[in-house]
């Protein structure tokens, strides 16, 4: 195990810990906003991106650790590659949505969750024939 391997493992762990810390510290904001039924679109995009990024860093850590510590196998490599693709789709989607919101300057957009819930419930009642 060389210096670069140790450094990469350390950096991946730091990235995961800091991302989880940010998500943890914002949990009260999201809890309050979901209770009130109104959430900032920018913060939702940030939550989605950071969740996908954290998953991606976990996959990167597992890929590097499997090579460094020698527990790599063709099956594990296939699973990690599929996980990497899912994580890349998530981070790219999150970055695109954040870039669009940044470009448009629309940081103050909100989603009203309660209104969406009522629309879904009324649509379900109509479909059931009530």
Protein backbone atom coordinates (compact mmCIF):
# COMPACT_ATOMS: atom_id res chain seq x y z
CA UNK A 1 0.00 0.00 0.00
CA UNK A 2 1.58 3.21 -1.20
CA UNK A 3 1.28 6.82 -0.14
CA UNK A 4 -1.26 7.62 -2.87
CA UNK A 5 -3.48 4.71 -1.81
CA UNK A 6 -3.47 5.89 1.81
CA UNK A 7 -4.10 9.49 0.76
CA UNK A 8 -7.02 8.53 -1.51
CA UNK A 9 -8.60 6.36 1.19
CA UNK A 10 -8.23 9.20 3.70
CA UNK A 11 -9.68 11.79 1.30
CA UNK A 12 -12.65 9.53 0.48
CA UNK A 13 -13.37 9.02 4.18
CA UNK A 14 -13.13 12.78 4.83
CA UNK A 15 -15.49 13.50 1.91
CA UNK A 16 -18.01 10.95 3.21
CA UNK A 17 -17.84 12.22 6.80
CA UNK A 18 -18.23 15.88 5.80
CA UNK A 19 -21.12 15.12 3.42
CA UNK A 20 -22.92 13.10 6.10
CA UNK A 21 -22.26 15.92 8.60
CA UNK A 22 -23.84 18.49 6.25
CA UNK A 23 -26.86 16.24 5.67
CA UNK A 24 -27.17 15.63 9.42
CA UNK A 25 -26.99 19.33 10.28
CA UNK A 26 -29.70 20.16 7.71
CA UNK A 27 -32.10 17.48 8.95
CA UNK A 28 -33.95 19.92 11.23
CA UNK A 29 -34.48 22.32 8.30
CA UNK A 30 -35.96 19.56 6.14
CA UNK A 31 -38.02 18.18 9.02
CA UNK A 32 -39.54 21.63 9.67
CA UNK A 33 -40.11 22.34 5.99
CA UNK A 34 -41.72 18.95 5.34
CA UNK A 35 -43.95 19.42 8.40
CA UNK A 36 -45.04 22.82 7.08
CA UNK A 37 -45.48 21.39 3.60
CA UNK A 38 -43.28 23.93 1.81
CA UNK A 39 -39.67 23.21 0.78
CA UNK A 40 -37.11 25.28 -1.13
CA UNK A 41 -36.43 23.81 -4.57
CA UNK A 42 -32.75 24.79 -4.27
CA UNK A 43 -32.42 23.01 -0.93
CA UNK A 44 -34.15 19.92 -2.34
CA UNK A 45 -31.69 19.92 -5.25
CA UNK A 46 -28.82 20.30 -2.77
CA UNK A 47 -30.17 17.41 -0.69
CA UNK A 48 -30.49 15.20 -3.76
CA UNK A 49 -26.98 16.07 -4.99
CA UNK A 50 -25.34 15.61 -1.61
CA UNK A 51 -27.07 12.27 -1.06
CA UNK A 52 -25.94 11.03 -4.48
CA UNK A 53 -22.42 12.40 -3.89
CA UNK A 54 -22.18 10.61 -0.55
CA UNK A 55 -23.25 7.35 -2.18
CA UNK A 56 -20.71 7.93 -4.96
CA UNK A 57 -17.91 8.47 -2.44
CA UNK A 58 -18.89 5.27 -0.62
CA UNK A 59 -18.61 3.40 -3.93
CA UNK A 60 -15.24 5.07 -4.65
CA UNK A 61 -14.01 4.08 -1.18
CA UNK A 62 -15.09 0.47 -1.72
CA UNK A 63 -13.45 0.35 -5.16
CA UNK A 64 -10.14 1.70 -3.83
CA UNK A 65 -10.27 -0.47 -0.68
CA UNK A 66 -10.97 -3.62 -2.70
CA UNK A 67 -7.87 -2.95 -4.81
CA UNK A 68 -5.62 -1.92 -1.92
CA UNK A 69 -6.65 -4.69 0.48
CA UNK A 70 -7.07 -7.37 -2.19
CA UNK A 71 -10.68 -8.41 -1.71
CA UNK A 72 -11.66 -7.56 -5.27
CA UNK A 73 -13.58 -10.13 -7.31
CA UNK A 74 -15.33 -10.02 -10.68
CA UNK A 75 -18.75 -10.09 -8.99
CA UNK A 76 -17.85 -7.29 -6.57
CA UNK A 77 -16.38 -5.25 -9.41
CA UNK A 78 -19.63 -5.62 -11.36
CA UNK A 79 -21.73 -4.53 -8.38
CA UNK A 80 -19.46 -1.56 -7.73
CA UNK A 81 -19.58 -0.54 -11.39
CA UNK A 82 -23.38 -0.63 -11.34
CA UNK A 83 -23.37 1.38 -8.11
CA UNK A 84 -20.99 3.87 -9.69
CA UNK A 85 -23.33 4.31 -12.67
CA UNK A 86 -26.32 4.94 -10.38
CA UNK A 87 -24.28 7.39 -8.30
CA UNK A 88 -23.02 9.19 -11.41
CA UNK A 89 -26.57 9.56 -12.73
CA UNK A 90 -27.63 10.99 -9.37
CA UNK A 91 -24.75 13.44 -9.04
CA UNK A 92 -25.10 14.57 -12.66
CA UNK A 93 -28.84 15.08 -12.22
CA UNK A 94 -28.23 17.02 -9.02
CA UNK A 95 -25.57 19.19 -10.65
CA UNK A 96 -27.78 19.89 -13.67
CA UNK A 97 -30.67 20.98 -11.44
CA UNK A 98 -28.38 23.14 -9.28
CA UNK A 99 -26.80 24.69 -12.39
CA UNK A 100 -30.23 25.42 -13.86
CA UNK A 101 -31.40 27.06 -10.63
CA UNK A 102 -28.15 29.05 -10.42
CA UNK A 103 -28.36 30.15 -14.06
CA UNK A 104 -31.98 31.22 -13.71
CA UNK A 105 -31.29 32.98 -10.41
CA UNK A 106 -34.40 31.37 -8.93
CA UNK A 107 -33.19 30.58 -5.45
CA UNK A 108 -36.51 31.50 -3.87
CA UNK A 109 -38.73 28.88 -5.52
CA UNK A 110 -40.68 26.64 -3.20
CA UNK A 111 -42.65 23.43 -3.63
CA UNK A 112 -45.93 23.20 -1.73
CA UNK A 113 -46.07 19.57 -0.70
CA UNK A 114 -49.50 19.73 0.93
CA UNK A 115 -51.08 21.04 -2.26
CA UNK A 116 -49.44 18.21 -4.19
CA UNK A 117 -50.75 15.68 -1.64
CA UNK A 118 -54.29 17.04 -1.96
CA UNK A 119 -54.11 16.90 -5.76
CA UNK A 120 -52.95 13.29 -5.64
CA UNK A 121 -55.67 12.34 -3.14
CA UNK A 122 -58.42 14.02 -5.17
CA UNK A 123 -57.13 12.36 -8.36
CA UNK A 124 -57.20 8.97 -6.61
CA UNK A 125 -60.77 9.58 -5.42
CA UNK A 126 -61.84 10.48 -8.96
CA UNK A 127 -60.21 7.33 -10.30
CA UNK A 128 -61.99 5.22 -7.66
CA UNK A 129 -65.34 6.73 -8.65
CA UNK A 130 -66.03 8.46 -5.32
